[in-house]
Amino acid sequence: MEFIGYIMIGLFIVVLFQKLVPTKGVRQISVTELKNQMSVPNKQFIDVRTVGEFKTNNIRGFKNIPLQQLSKKMSELSKDKEVVVICQSGMRSNQASKLLKKNGFKQVTNVKGGMSAL
């Protein structure tokens, strides 16, 4: 029975590790670097938090596409432009970055620490 507990802990660690580890090919920037990027043309700024979170606090220039809707709304984004992704803490934006890369977006940037780092 103890063996099963170790397996469960191991699986939990693997799943957590996969969510936290940056995706290969996804650029990671700080919120300080984000401020410099906001004026650069030809970038798409996406906030993957819920609609309620976005309405409460958001950054001008970011479009709200909640993570749960990203697969369906990906066609609204251009694969020819860099996509900069933010969420509350960086976990959902990391997941969104992985999803975008998997679907052929070549230039994807994740904001480390998300809105909490502002």
PDB file of N, CA and C in Angstrom:
ATOM      1  N   MET A   1       0.825  -1.200   0.000  1.00  0.00           N
ATOM      2  CA  MET A   1       0.000   0.000   0.000  1.00  0.00           C
ATOM      3  C   MET A   1       0.870   1.267   0.000  1.00  0.00           C
ATOM      4  N   GLU A   2       1.984   1.216   0.699  1.00  0.00           N
ATOM      5  CA  GLU A   2       2.892   2.360   0.754  1.00  0.00           C
ATOM      6  C   GLU A   2       3.455   2.670  -0.635  1.00  0.00           C
ATOM      7  N   PHE A   3       3.682   1.624  -1.429  1.00  0.00           N
ATOM      8  CA  PHE A   3       4.204   1.759  -2.776  1.00  0.00           C
ATOM      9  C   PHE A   3       3.273   2.603  -3.647  1.00  0.00           C
ATOM     10  N   ILE A   4       1.979   2.397  -3.518  1.00  0.00           N
ATOM     11  CA  ILE A   4       0.992   3.155  -4.291  1.00  0.00           C
ATOM     12  C   ILE A   4       1.068   4.641  -3.928  1.00  0.00           C
ATOM     13  N   GLY A   5       1.285   4.931  -2.663  1.00  0.00           N
ATOM     14  CA  GLY A   5       1.437   6.321  -2.227  1.00  0.00           C
ATOM     15  C   GLY A   5       2.615   6.996  -2.899  1.00  0.00           C
ATOM     16  N   TYR A   6       3.739   6.282  -2.996  1.00  0.00           N
ATOM     17  CA  TYR A   6       4.926   6.832  -3.660  1.00  0.00           C
ATOM     18  C   TYR A   6       4.664   7.068  -5.152  1.00  0.00           C
ATOM     19  N   ILE A   7       3.938   6.164  -5.773  1.00  0.00           N
ATOM     20  CA  ILE A   7       3.596   6.326  -7.191  1.00  0.00           C
ATOM     21  C   ILE A   7       2.716   7.566  -7.376  1.00  0.00           C
ATOM     22  N   MET A   8       1.740   7.752  -6.505  1.00  0.00           N
ATOM     23  CA  MET A   8       0.843   8.918  -6.603  1.00  0.00           C
ATOM     24  C   MET A   8       1.624  10.216  -6.420  1.00  0.00           C
ATOM     25  N   ILE A   9       2.526  10.243  -5.457  1.00  0.00           N
ATOM     26  CA  ILE A   9       3.351  11.440  -5.232  1.00  0.00           C
ATOM     27  C   ILE A   9       4.215  11.708  -6.462  1.00  0.00           C
ATOM     28  N   GLY A  10       4.793  10.649  -7.019  1.00  0.00           N
ATOM     29  CA  GLY A  10       5.624  10.791  -8.221  1.00  0.00           C
ATOM     30  C   GLY A  10       4.843  11.342  -9.395  1.00  0.00           C
ATOM     31  N   LEU A  11       3.642  10.843  -9.609  1.00  0.00           N
ATOM     32  CA  LEU A  11       2.801  11.336 -10.702  1.00  0.00           C
ATOM     33  C   LEU A  11       2.430  12.796 -10.497  1.00  0.00           C
ATOM     34  N   PHE A  12       2.124  13.158  -9.262  1.00  0.00           N
ATOM     35  CA  PHE A  12       1.792  14.549  -8.952  1.00  0.00           C
ATOM     36  C   PHE A  12       2.971  15.465  -9.281  1.00  0.00           C
ATOM     37  N   ILE A  13       4.165  15.047  -8.919  1.00  0.00           N
ATOM     38  CA  ILE A  13       5.363  15.851  -9.180  1.00  0.00           C
ATOM     39  C   ILE A  13       5.591  15.996 -10.681  1.00  0.00           C
ATOM     40  N   VAL A  14       5.410  14.919 -11.434  1.00  0.00           N
ATOM     41  CA  VAL A  14       5.590  14.966 -12.890  1.00  0.00           C
ATOM     42  C   VAL A  14       4.598  15.943 -13.522  1.00  0.00           C
ATOM     43  N   VAL A  15       3.332  15.859 -13.127  1.00  0.00           N
ATOM     44  CA  VAL A  15       2.304  16.750 -13.681  1.00  0.00           C
ATOM     45  C   VAL A  15       2.609  18.201 -13.323  1.00  0.00           C
ATOM     46  N   LEU A  16       2.968  18.461 -12.087  1.00  0.00           N
ATOM     47  CA  LEU A  16       3.310  19.820 -11.655  1.00  0.00           C
ATOM     48  C   LEU A  16       4.519  20.335 -12.419  1.00  0.00           C
ATOM     49  N   PHE A  17       5.524  19.497 -12.580  1.00  0.00           N
ATOM     50  CA  PHE A  17       6.740  19.864 -13.300  1.00  0.00           C
ATOM     51  C   PHE A  17       6.418  20.249 -14.737  1.00  0.00           C
ATOM     52  N   GLN A  18       5.549  19.482 -15.402  1.00  0.00           N
ATOM     53  CA  GLN A  18       5.187  19.769 -16.786  1.00  0.00           C
ATOM     54  C   GLN A  18       4.469  21.100 -16.917  1.00  0.00           C
ATOM     55  N   LYS A  19       3.698  21.482 -15.920  1.00  0.00           N
ATOM     56  CA  LYS A  19       2.968  22.755 -15.979  1.00  0.00           C
ATOM     57  C   LYS A  19       3.890  23.941 -15.720  1.00  0.00           C
ATOM     58  N   LEU A  20       4.933  23.746 -14.913  1.00  0.00           N
ATOM     59  CA  LEU A  20       5.800  24.843 -14.518  1.00  0.00           C
ATOM     60  C   LEU A  20       6.996  25.048 -15.433  1.00  0.00           C
ATOM     61  N   VAL A  21       7.445  24.002 -16.097  1.00  0.00           N
ATOM     62  CA  VAL A  21       8.625  24.101 -16.946  1.00  0.00           C
ATOM     63  C   VAL A  21       8.282  24.855 -18.215  1.00  0.00           C
ATOM     64  N   PRO A  22       9.078  25.870 -18.537  1.00  0.00           N
ATOM     65  CA  PRO A  22       8.820  26.614 -19.769  1.00  0.00           C
ATOM     66  C   PRO A  22       8.898  25.706 -20.995  1.00  0.00           C
ATOM     67  N   THR A  23       8.059  25.983 -21.952  1.00  0.00           N
ATOM     68  CA  THR A  23       8.017  25.214 -23.192  1.00  0.00           C
ATOM     69  C   THR A  23       9.197  25.594 -24.074  1.00  0.00           C
ATOM     70  N   LYS A  24       9.796  24.594 -24.695  1.00  0.00           N
ATOM     71  CA  LYS A  24      10.900  24.839 -25.612  1.00  0.00           C
ATOM     72  C   LYS A  24      10.416  25.731 -26.747  1.00  0.00           C
ATOM     73  N   GLY A  25      11.176  26.770 -27.031  1.00  0.00           N
ATOM     74  CA  GLY A  25      10.820  27.678 -28.116  1.00  0.00           C
ATOM     75  C   GLY A  25       9.923  28.827 -27.697  1.00  0.00           C
ATOM     76  N   VAL A  26       9.521  28.850 -26.420  1.00  0.00           N
ATOM     77  CA  VAL A  26       8.705  29.958 -25.907  1.00  0.00           C
ATOM     78  C   VAL A  26       9.624  30.895 -25.139  1.00  0.00           C
ATOM     79  N   ARG A  27       9.631  32.138 -25.555  1.00  0.00           N
ATOM     80  CA  ARG A  27      10.455  33.141 -24.882  1.00  0.00           C
ATOM     81  C   ARG A  27       9.797  33.530 -23.560  1.00  0.00           C
ATOM     82  N   GLN A  28      10.586  33.690 -22.524  1.00  0.00           N
ATOM     83  CA  GLN A  28      10.087  34.088 -21.211  1.00  0.00           C
ATOM     84  C   GLN A  28      10.557  35.517 -20.936  1.00  0.00           C
ATOM     85  N   ILE A  29       9.608  36.404 -20.586  1.00  0.00           N
ATOM     86  CA  ILE A  29       9.992  37.776 -20.257  1.00  0.00           C
ATOM     87  C   ILE A  29       9.393  38.162 -18.910  1.00  0.00           C
ATOM     88  N   SER A  30      10.000  39.142 -18.289  1.00  0.00           N
ATOM     89  CA  SER A  30       9.495  39.671 -17.019  1.00  0.00           C
ATOM     90  C   SER A  30       8.474  40.766 -17.311  1.00  0.00           C
ATOM     91  N   VAL A  31       7.767  41.204 -16.269  1.00  0.00           N
ATOM     92  CA  VAL A  31       6.800  42.285 -16.469  1.00  0.00           C
ATOM     93  C   VAL A  31       7.523  43.587 -16.828  1.00  0.00           C
ATOM     94  N   THR A  32       8.747  43.749 -16.367  1.00  0.00           N
ATOM     95  CA  THR A  32       9.539  44.928 -16.736  1.00  0.00           C
ATOM     96  C   THR A  32       9.817  44.919 -18.229  1.00  0.00           C
ATOM     97  N   GLU A  33      10.211  43.754 -18.756  1.00  0.00           N
ATOM     98  CA  GLU A  33      10.447  43.628 -20.195  1.00  0.00           C
ATOM     99  C   GLU A  33       9.154  43.814 -20.976  1.00  0.00           C
ATOM    100  N   LEU A  34       8.040  43.365 -20.404  1.00  0.00           N
ATOM    101  CA  LEU A  34       6.742  43.522 -21.068  1.00  0.00           C
ATOM    102  C   LEU A  34       6.447  44.988 -21.325  1.00  0.00           C
ATOM    103  N   LYS A  35       6.741  45.844 -20.371  1.00  0.00           N
ATOM    104  CA  LYS A  35       6.476  47.278 -20.527  1.00  0.00           C
ATOM    105  C   LYS A  35       7.188  47.827 -21.756  1.00  0.00           C
ATOM    106  N   ASN A  36       8.395  47.329 -22.033  1.00  0.00           N
ATOM    107  CA  ASN A  36       9.138  47.774 -23.217  1.00  0.00           C
ATOM    108  C   ASN A  36       8.553  47.193 -24.499  1.00  0.00           C
ATOM    109  N   GLN A  37       7.921  46.039 -24.418  1.00  0.00           N
ATOM    110  CA  GLN A  37       7.354  45.364 -25.585  1.00  0.00           C
ATOM    111  C   GLN A  37       6.014  45.950 -26.025  1.00  0.00           C
ATOM    112  N   MET A  38       5.324  46.615 -25.125  1.00  0.00           N
ATOM    113  CA  MET A  38       3.964  47.100 -25.409  1.00  0.00           C
ATOM    114  C   MET A  38       3.910  48.081 -26.579  1.00  0.00           C
ATOM    115  N   SER A  39       4.985  48.794 -26.819  1.00  0.00           N
ATOM    116  CA  SER A  39       4.969  49.774 -27.912  1.00  0.00           C
ATOM    117  C   SER A  39       5.500  49.205 -29.226  1.00  0.00           C
ATOM    118  N   VAL A  40       5.947  47.953 -29.218  1.00  0.00           N
ATOM    119  CA  VAL A  40       6.476  47.333 -30.434  1.00  0.00           C
ATOM    120  C   VAL A  40       5.311  46.887 -31.317  1.00  0.00           C
ATOM    121  N   PRO A  41       5.305  47.320 -32.582  1.00  0.00           N
ATOM    122  CA  PRO A  41       4.200  46.932 -33.479  1.00  0.00           C
ATOM    123  C   PRO A  41       4.258  45.458 -33.871  1.00  0.00           C
ATOM    124  N   ASN A  42       3.187  44.983 -34.454  1.00  0.00           N
ATOM    125  CA  ASN A  42       3.065  43.616 -34.962  1.00  0.00           C
ATOM    126  C   ASN A  42       3.164  42.537 -33.891  1.00  0.00           C
ATOM    127  N   LYS A  43       2.655  42.840 -32.722  1.00  0.00           N
ATOM    128  CA  LYS A  43       2.571  41.845 -31.656  1.00  0.00           C
ATOM    129  C   LYS A  43       1.117  41.710 -31.243  1.00  0.00           C
ATOM    130  N   GLN A  44       0.765  40.534 -30.786  1.00  0.00           N
ATOM    131  CA  GLN A  44      -0.581  40.257 -30.293  1.00  0.00           C
ATOM    132  C   GLN A  44      -0.459  39.991 -28.802  1.00  0.00           C
ATOM    133  N   PHE A  45      -1.208  40.710 -28.002  1.00  0.00           N
ATOM    134  CA  PHE A  45      -1.148  40.578 -26.552  1.00  0.00           C
ATOM    135  C   PHE A  45      -2.420  39.901 -26.067  1.00  0.00           C
ATOM    136  N   ILE A  46      -2.260  38.720 -25.458  1.00  0.00           N
ATOM    137  CA  ILE A  46      -3.395  37.896 -25.047  1.00  0.00           C
ATOM    138  C   ILE A  46      -3.351  37.658 -23.540  1.00  0.00           C
ATOM    139  N   ASP A  47      -4.480  37.889 -22.880  1.00  0.00           N
ATOM    140  CA  ASP A  47      -4.658  37.608 -21.455  1.00  0.00           C
ATOM    141  C   ASP A  47      -5.564  36.388 -21.362  1.00  0.00           C
ATOM    142  N   VAL A  48      -5.064  35.288 -20.793  1.00  0.00           N
ATOM    143  CA  VAL A  48      -5.820  34.038 -20.776  1.00  0.00           C
ATOM    144  C   VAL A  48      -6.561  33.795 -19.459  1.00  0.00           C
ATOM    145  N   ARG A  49      -6.701  34.837 -18.642  1.00  0.00           N
ATOM    146  CA  ARG A  49      -7.484  34.707 -17.409  1.00  0.00           C
ATOM    147  C   ARG A  49      -8.970  34.677 -17.738  1.00  0.00           C
ATOM    148  N   THR A  50      -9.779  34.391 -16.737  1.00  0.00           N
ATOM    149  CA  THR A  50     -11.232  34.371 -16.933  1.00  0.00           C
ATOM    150  C   THR A  50     -11.738  35.777 -17.247  1.00  0.00           C
ATOM    151  N   VAL A  51     -12.936  35.853 -17.788  1.00  0.00           N
ATOM    152  CA  VAL A  51     -13.549  37.147 -18.106  1.00  0.00           C
ATOM    153  C   VAL A  51     -13.656  38.001 -16.841  1.00  0.00           C
ATOM    154  N   GLY A  52     -14.070  37.392 -15.733  1.00  0.00           N
ATOM    155  CA  GLY A  52     -14.195  38.130 -14.472  1.00  0.00           C
ATOM    156  C   GLY A  52     -12.875  38.693 -13.990  1.00  0.00           C
ATOM    157  N   GLU A  53     -11.811  37.895 -14.064  1.00  0.00           N
ATOM    158  CA  GLU A  53     -10.481  38.369 -13.658  1.00  0.00           C
ATOM    159  C   GLU A  53     -10.043  39.528 -14.551  1.00  0.00           C
ATOM    160  N   PHE A  54     -10.291  39.393 -15.848  1.00  0.00           N
ATOM    161  CA  PHE A  54      -9.882  40.415 -16.807  1.00  0.00           C
ATOM    162  C   PHE A  54     -10.619  41.731 -16.554  1.00  0.00           C
ATOM    163  N   LYS A  55     -11.944  41.637 -16.273  1.00  0.00           N
ATOM    164  CA  LYS A  55     -12.728  42.850 -16.026  1.00  0.00           C
ATOM    165  C   LYS A  55     -12.266  43.572 -14.764  1.00  0.00           C
ATOM    166  N   THR A  56     -11.829  42.818 -13.778  1.00  0.00           N
ATOM    167  CA  THR A  56     -11.387  43.414 -12.513  1.00  0.00           C
ATOM    168  C   THR A  56     -10.088  44.186 -12.668  1.00  0.00           C
ATOM    169  N   ASN A  57      -9.162  43.641 -13.463  1.00  0.00           N
ATOM    170  CA  ASN A  57      -7.852  44.267 -13.619  1.00  0.00           C
ATOM    171  C   ASN A  57      -7.235  43.771 -14.917  1.00  0.00           C
ATOM    172  N   ASN A  58      -6.862  44.691 -15.796  1.00  0.00           N
ATOM    173  CA  ASN A  58      -6.228  44.276 -17.049  1.00  0.00           C
ATOM    174  C   ASN A  58      -5.249  45.325 -17.528  1.00  0.00           C
ATOM    175  N   ILE A  59      -4.461  44.933 -18.506  1.00  0.00           N
ATOM    176  CA  ILE A  59      -3.479  45.838 -19.105  1.00  0.00           C
ATOM    177  C   ILE A  59      -4.023  46.289 -20.459  1.00  0.00           C
ATOM    178  N   ARG A  60      -4.047  47.583 -20.670  1.00  0.00           N
ATOM    179  CA  ARG A  60      -4.528  48.128 -21.936  1.00  0.00           C
ATOM    180  C   ARG A  60      -3.710  47.533 -23.077  1.00  0.00           C
ATOM    181  N   GLY A  61      -4.411  47.108 -24.116  1.00  0.00           N
ATOM    182  CA  GLY A  61      -3.751  46.522 -25.272  1.00  0.00           C
ATOM    183  C   GLY A  61      -3.828  44.999 -25.299  1.00  0.00           C
ATOM    184  N   PHE A  62      -4.181  44.398 -24.170  1.00  0.00           N
ATOM    185  CA  PHE A  62      -4.336  42.938 -24.122  1.00  0.00           C
ATOM    186  C   PHE A  62      -5.762  42.559 -24.468  1.00  0.00           C
ATOM    187  N   LYS A  63      -5.903  41.491 -25.249  1.00  0.00           N
ATOM    188  CA  LYS A  63      -7.206  40.947 -25.600  1.00  0.00           C
ATOM    189  C   LYS A  63      -7.466  39.756 -24.686  1.00  0.00           C
ATOM    190  N   ASN A  64      -8.662  39.662 -24.156  1.00  0.00           N
ATOM    191  CA  ASN A  64      -9.008  38.553 -23.257  1.00  0.00           C
ATOM    192  C   ASN A  64      -9.524  37.360 -24.045  1.00  0.00           C
ATOM    193  N   ILE A  65      -8.753  36.274 -24.007  1.00  0.00           N
ATOM    194  CA  ILE A  65      -9.183  34.978 -24.535  1.00  0.00           C
ATOM    195  C   ILE A  65      -8.900  33.975 -23.419  1.00  0.00           C
ATOM    196  N   PRO A  66      -9.903  33.644 -22.599  1.00  0.00           N
ATOM    197  CA  PRO A  66      -9.672  32.697 -21.504  1.00  0.00           C
ATOM    198  C   PRO A  66      -9.068  31.383 -22.005  1.00  0.00           C
ATOM    199  N   LEU A  67      -8.200  30.811 -21.203  1.00  0.00           N
ATOM    200  CA  LEU A  67      -7.504  29.579 -21.587  1.00  0.00           C
ATOM    201  C   LEU A  67      -8.467  28.511 -22.079  1.00  0.00           C
ATOM    202  N   GLN A  68      -9.625  28.377 -21.430  1.00  0.00           N
ATOM    203  CA  GLN A  68     -10.594  27.348 -21.811  1.00  0.00           C
ATOM    204  C   GLN A  68     -11.151  27.569 -23.218  1.00  0.00           C
ATOM    205  N   GLN A  69     -11.072  28.804 -23.720  1.00  0.00           N
ATOM    206  CA  GLN A  69     -11.619  29.130 -25.043  1.00  0.00           C
ATOM    207  C   GLN A  69     -10.536  29.268 -26.116  1.00  0.00           C
ATOM    208  N   LEU A  70      -9.289  29.183 -25.717  1.00  0.00           N
ATOM    209  CA  LEU A  70      -8.189  29.461 -26.648  1.00  0.00           C
ATOM    210  C   LEU A  70      -8.193  28.540 -27.862  1.00  0.00           C
ATOM    211  N   SER A  71      -8.438  27.262 -27.662  1.00  0.00           N
ATOM    212  CA  SER A  71      -8.454  26.317 -28.798  1.00  0.00           C
ATOM    213  C   SER A  71      -9.471  26.736 -29.855  1.00  0.00           C
ATOM    214  N   LYS A  72     -10.630  27.200 -29.411  1.00  0.00           N
ATOM    215  CA  LYS A  72     -11.696  27.591 -30.336  1.00  0.00           C
ATOM    216  C   LYS A  72     -11.454  28.955 -30.975  1.00  0.00           C
ATOM    217  N   LYS A  73     -10.737  29.833 -30.282  1.00  0.00           N
ATOM    218  CA  LYS A  73     -10.553  31.200 -30.767  1.00  0.00           C
ATOM    219  C   LYS A  73      -9.171  31.452 -31.366  1.00  0.00           C
ATOM    220  N   MET A  74      -8.380  30.399 -31.505  1.00  0.00           N
ATOM    221  CA  MET A  74      -7.035  30.538 -32.034  1.00  0.00           C
ATOM    222  C   MET A  74      -7.027  31.125 -33.444  1.00  0.00           C
ATOM    223  N   SER A  75      -8.095  30.891 -34.178  1.00  0.00           N
ATOM    224  CA  SER A  75      -8.183  31.393 -35.556  1.00  0.00           C
ATOM    225  C   SER A  75      -8.251  32.922 -35.592  1.00  0.00           C
ATOM    226  N   GLU A  76      -8.551  33.554 -34.458  1.00  0.00           N
ATOM    227  CA  GLU A  76      -8.591  35.017 -34.386  1.00  0.00           C
ATOM    228  C   GLU A  76      -7.184  35.615 -34.320  1.00  0.00           C
ATOM    229  N   LEU A  77      -6.185  34.755 -34.125  1.00  0.00           N
ATOM    230  CA  LEU A  77      -4.799  35.201 -33.993  1.00  0.00           C
ATOM    231  C   LEU A  77      -4.023  34.907 -35.273  1.00  0.00           C
ATOM    232  N   SER A  78      -3.049  35.746 -35.561  1.00  0.00           N
ATOM    233  CA  SER A  78      -2.199  35.557 -36.728  1.00  0.00           C
ATOM    234  C   SER A  78      -0.953  34.760 -36.339  1.00  0.00           C
ATOM    235  N   LYS A  79      -0.667  33.727 -37.107  1.00  0.00           N
ATOM    236  CA  LYS A  79       0.538  32.937 -36.863  1.00  0.00           C
ATOM    237  C   LYS A  79       1.788  33.676 -37.340  1.00  0.00           C
ATOM    238  N   ASP A  80       1.597  34.776 -38.079  1.00  0.00           N
ATOM    239  CA  ASP A  80       2.714  35.553 -38.604  1.00  0.00           C
ATOM    240  C   ASP A  80       3.206  36.626 -37.636  1.00  0.00           C
ATOM    241  N   LYS A  81       2.470  36.831 -36.551  1.00  0.00           N
ATOM    242  CA  LYS A  81       2.856  37.840 -35.560  1.00  0.00           C
ATOM    243  C   LYS A  81       3.160  37.165 -34.230  1.00  0.00           C
ATOM    244  N   GLU A  82       4.058  37.768 -33.490  1.00  0.00           N
ATOM    245  CA  GLU A  82       4.385  37.252 -32.161  1.00  0.00           C
ATOM    246  C   GLU A  82       3.169  37.353 -31.245  1.00  0.00           C
ATOM    247  N   VAL A  83       2.967  36.339 -30.420  1.00  0.00           N
ATOM    248  CA  VAL A  83       1.886  36.333 -29.439  1.00  0.00           C
ATOM    249  C   VAL A  83       2.518  36.427 -28.054  1.00  0.00           C
ATOM    250  N   VAL A  84       2.123  37.442 -27.290  1.00  0.00           N
ATOM    251  CA  VAL A  84       2.589  37.620 -25.922  1.00  0.00           C
ATOM    252  C   VAL A  84       1.429  37.245 -25.012  1.00  0.00           C
ATOM    253  N   VAL A  85       1.669  36.290 -24.101  1.00  0.00           N
ATOM    254  CA  VAL A  85       0.603  35.723 -23.281  1.00  0.00           C
ATOM    255  C   VAL A  85       0.844  36.025 -21.804  1.00  0.00           C
ATOM    256  N   ILE A  86      -0.246  36.414 -21.113  1.00  0.00           N
ATOM    257  CA  ILE A  86      -0.169  36.695 -19.672  1.00  0.00           C
ATOM    258  C   ILE A  86      -1.386  36.064 -18.981  1.00  0.00           C
ATOM    259  N   CYS A  87      -1.240  35.764 -17.699  1.00  0.00           N
ATOM    260  CA  CYS A  87      -2.352  35.311 -16.857  1.00  0.00           C
ATOM    261  C   CYS A  87      -2.129  35.910 -15.465  1.00  0.00           C
ATOM    262  N   GLN A  88      -2.651  35.299 -14.428  1.00  0.00           N
ATOM    263  CA  GLN A  88      -2.479  35.850 -13.085  1.00  0.00           C
ATOM    264  C   GLN A  88      -1.094  35.551 -12.508  1.00  0.00           C
ATOM    265  N   SER A  89      -0.645  34.277 -12.647  1.00  0.00           N
ATOM    266  CA  SER A  89       0.621  33.898 -12.012  1.00  0.00           C
ATOM    267  C   SER A  89       1.671  33.367 -12.980  1.00  0.00           C
ATOM    268  N   GLY A  90       1.289  33.063 -14.199  1.00  0.00           N
ATOM    269  CA  GLY A  90       2.216  32.519 -15.179  1.00  0.00           C
ATOM    270  C   GLY A  90       1.945  31.071 -15.526  1.00  0.00           C
ATOM    271  N   MET A  91       1.116  30.389 -14.758  1.00  0.00           N
ATOM    272  CA  MET A  91       0.839  28.969 -15.029  1.00  0.00           C
ATOM    273  C   MET A  91      -0.080  28.785 -16.239  1.00  0.00           C
ATOM    274  N   ARG A  92      -1.199  29.503 -16.274  1.00  0.00           N
ATOM    275  CA  ARG A  92      -2.120  29.365 -17.406  1.00  0.00           C
ATOM    276  C   ARG A  92      -1.505  29.896 -18.690  1.00  0.00           C
ATOM    277  N   SER A  93      -0.728  30.974 -18.574  1.00  0.00           N
ATOM    278  CA  SER A  93      -0.093  31.512 -19.779  1.00  0.00           C
ATOM    279  C   SER A  93       0.967  30.540 -20.301  1.00  0.00           C
ATOM    280  N   ASN A  94       1.615  29.812 -19.409  1.00  0.00           N
ATOM    281  CA  ASN A  94       2.567  28.787 -19.838  1.00  0.00           C
ATOM    282  C   ASN A  94       1.826  27.674 -20.579  1.00  0.00           C
ATOM    283  N   GLN A  95       0.668  27.259 -20.059  1.00  0.00           N
ATOM    284  CA  GLN A  95      -0.147  26.247 -20.739  1.00  0.00           C
ATOM    285  C   GLN A  95      -0.611  26.764 -22.106  1.00  0.00           C
ATOM    286  N   ALA A  96      -1.034  28.025 -22.138  1.00  0.00           N
ATOM    287  CA  ALA A  96      -1.487  28.628 -23.403  1.00  0.00           C
ATOM    288  C   ALA A  96      -0.335  28.689 -24.404  1.00  0.00           C
ATOM    289  N   SER A  97       0.852  29.009 -23.931  1.00  0.00           N
ATOM    290  CA  SER A  97       2.030  29.067 -24.806  1.00  0.00           C
ATOM    291  C   SER A  97       2.313  27.708 -25.424  1.00  0.00           C
ATOM    292  N   LYS A  98       2.220  26.659 -24.616  1.00  0.00           N
ATOM    293  CA  LYS A  98       2.418  25.294 -25.125  1.00  0.00           C
ATOM    294  C   LYS A  98       1.386  24.977 -26.205  1.00  0.00           C
ATOM    295  N   LEU A  99       0.146  25.341 -25.951  1.00  0.00           N
ATOM    296  CA  LEU A  99      -0.932  25.084 -26.901  1.00  0.00           C
ATOM    297  C   LEU A  99      -0.699  25.838 -28.212  1.00  0.00           C
ATOM    298  N   LEU A 100      -0.283  27.082 -28.113  1.00  0.00           N
ATOM    299  CA  LEU A 100      -0.016  27.878 -29.312  1.00  0.00           C
ATOM    300  C   LEU A 100       1.134  27.284 -30.119  1.00  0.00           C
ATOM    301  N   LYS A 101       2.217  26.898 -29.446  1.00  0.00           N
ATOM    302  CA  LYS A 101       3.358  26.283 -30.136  1.00  0.00           C
ATOM    303  C   LYS A 101       2.932  24.994 -30.830  1.00  0.00           C
ATOM    304  N   LYS A 102       2.148  24.199 -30.139  1.00  0.00           N
ATOM    305  CA  LYS A 102       1.672  22.918 -30.681  1.00  0.00           C
ATOM    306  C   LYS A 102       0.829  23.129 -31.937  1.00  0.00           C
ATOM    307  N   ASN A 103       0.187  24.295 -32.030  1.00  0.00           N
ATOM    308  CA  ASN A 103      -0.693  24.599 -33.156  1.00  0.00           C
ATOM    309  C   ASN A 103      -0.038  25.491 -34.210  1.00  0.00           C
ATOM    310  N   GLY A 104       1.280  25.543 -34.214  1.00  0.00           N
ATOM    311  CA  GLY A 104       1.992  26.192 -35.309  1.00  0.00           C
ATOM    312  C   GLY A 104       2.368  27.648 -35.139  1.00  0.00           C
ATOM    313  N   PHE A 105       2.140  28.224 -33.963  1.00  0.00           N
ATOM    314  CA  PHE A 105       2.573  29.602 -33.728  1.00  0.00           C
ATOM    315  C   PHE A 105       4.070  29.565 -33.442  1.00  0.00           C
ATOM    316  N   LYS A 106       4.831  30.319 -34.224  1.00  0.00           N
ATOM    317  CA  LYS A 106       6.290  30.232 -34.120  1.00  0.00           C
ATOM    318  C   LYS A 106       6.877  31.188 -33.083  1.00  0.00           C
ATOM    319  N   GLN A 107       6.297  32.366 -32.954  1.00  0.00           N
ATOM    320  CA  GLN A 107       6.806  33.362 -32.010  1.00  0.00           C
ATOM    321  C   GLN A 107       5.821  33.513 -30.856  1.00  0.00           C
ATOM    322  N   VAL A 108       6.140  32.870 -29.732  1.00  0.00           N
ATOM    323  CA  VAL A 108       5.276  32.917 -28.552  1.00  0.00           C
ATOM    324  C   VAL A 108       6.118  33.365 -27.369  1.00  0.00           C
ATOM    325  N   THR A 109       5.586  34.319 -26.614  1.00  0.00           N
ATOM    326  CA  THR A 109       6.274  34.847 -25.441  1.00  0.00           C
ATOM    327  C   THR A 109       5.356  34.756 -24.241  1.00  0.00           C
ATOM    328  N   ASN A 110       5.882  34.233 -23.137  1.00  0.00           N
ATOM    329  CA  ASN A 110       5.150  34.108 -21.891  1.00  0.00           C
ATOM    330  C   ASN A 110       5.663  35.145 -20.900  1.00  0.00           C
ATOM    331  N   VAL A 111       4.742  35.802 -20.197  1.00  0.00           N
ATOM    332  CA  VAL A 111       5.123  36.779 -19.170  1.00  0.00           C
ATOM    333  C   VAL A 111       5.253  36.049 -17.843  1.00  0.00           C
ATOM    334  N   LYS A 112       6.485  35.909 -17.360  1.00  0.00           N
ATOM    335  CA  LYS A 112       6.752  35.199 -16.101  1.00  0.00           C
ATOM    336  C   LYS A 112       6.117  35.931 -14.928  1.00  0.00           C
ATOM    337  N   GLY A 113       5.450  35.183 -14.092  1.00  0.00           N
ATOM    338  CA  GLY A 113       4.849  35.772 -12.889  1.00  0.00           C
ATOM    339  C   GLY A 113       3.510  36.420 -13.120  1.00  0.00           C
ATOM    340  N   GLY A 114       3.157  36.650 -14.378  1.00  0.00           N
ATOM    341  CA  GLY A 114       1.855  37.194 -14.724  1.00  0.00           C
ATOM    342  C   GLY A 114       1.510  38.507 -14.047  1.00  0.00           C
ATOM    343  N   MET A 115       0.209  38.721 -13.893  1.00  0.00           N
ATOM    344  CA  MET A 115      -0.301  39.960 -13.296  1.00  0.00           C
ATOM    345  C   MET A 115       0.159  40.125 -11.844  1.00  0.00           C
ATOM    346  N   SER A 116       0.412  39.014 -11.177  1.00  0.00           N
ATOM    347  CA  SER A 116       0.875  39.075  -9.782  1.00  0.00           C
ATOM    348  C   SER A 116       2.236  39.725  -9.656  1.00  0.00           C
ATOM    349  N   ALA A 117       3.007  39.724 -10.723  1.00  0.00           N
ATOM    350  CA  ALA A 117       4.358  40.297 -10.693  1.00  0.00           C
ATOM    351  C   ALA A 117       4.379  41.797 -10.996  1.00  0.00           C
ATOM    352  N   LEU A 118       3.209  42.368 -11.314  1.00  0.00           N
ATOM    353  CA  LEU A 118       3.156  43.808 -11.620  1.00  0.00           C
ATOM    354  C   LEU A 118       3.393  44.637 -10.383  1.00  0.00           C
TER     355      LEU A 118
END
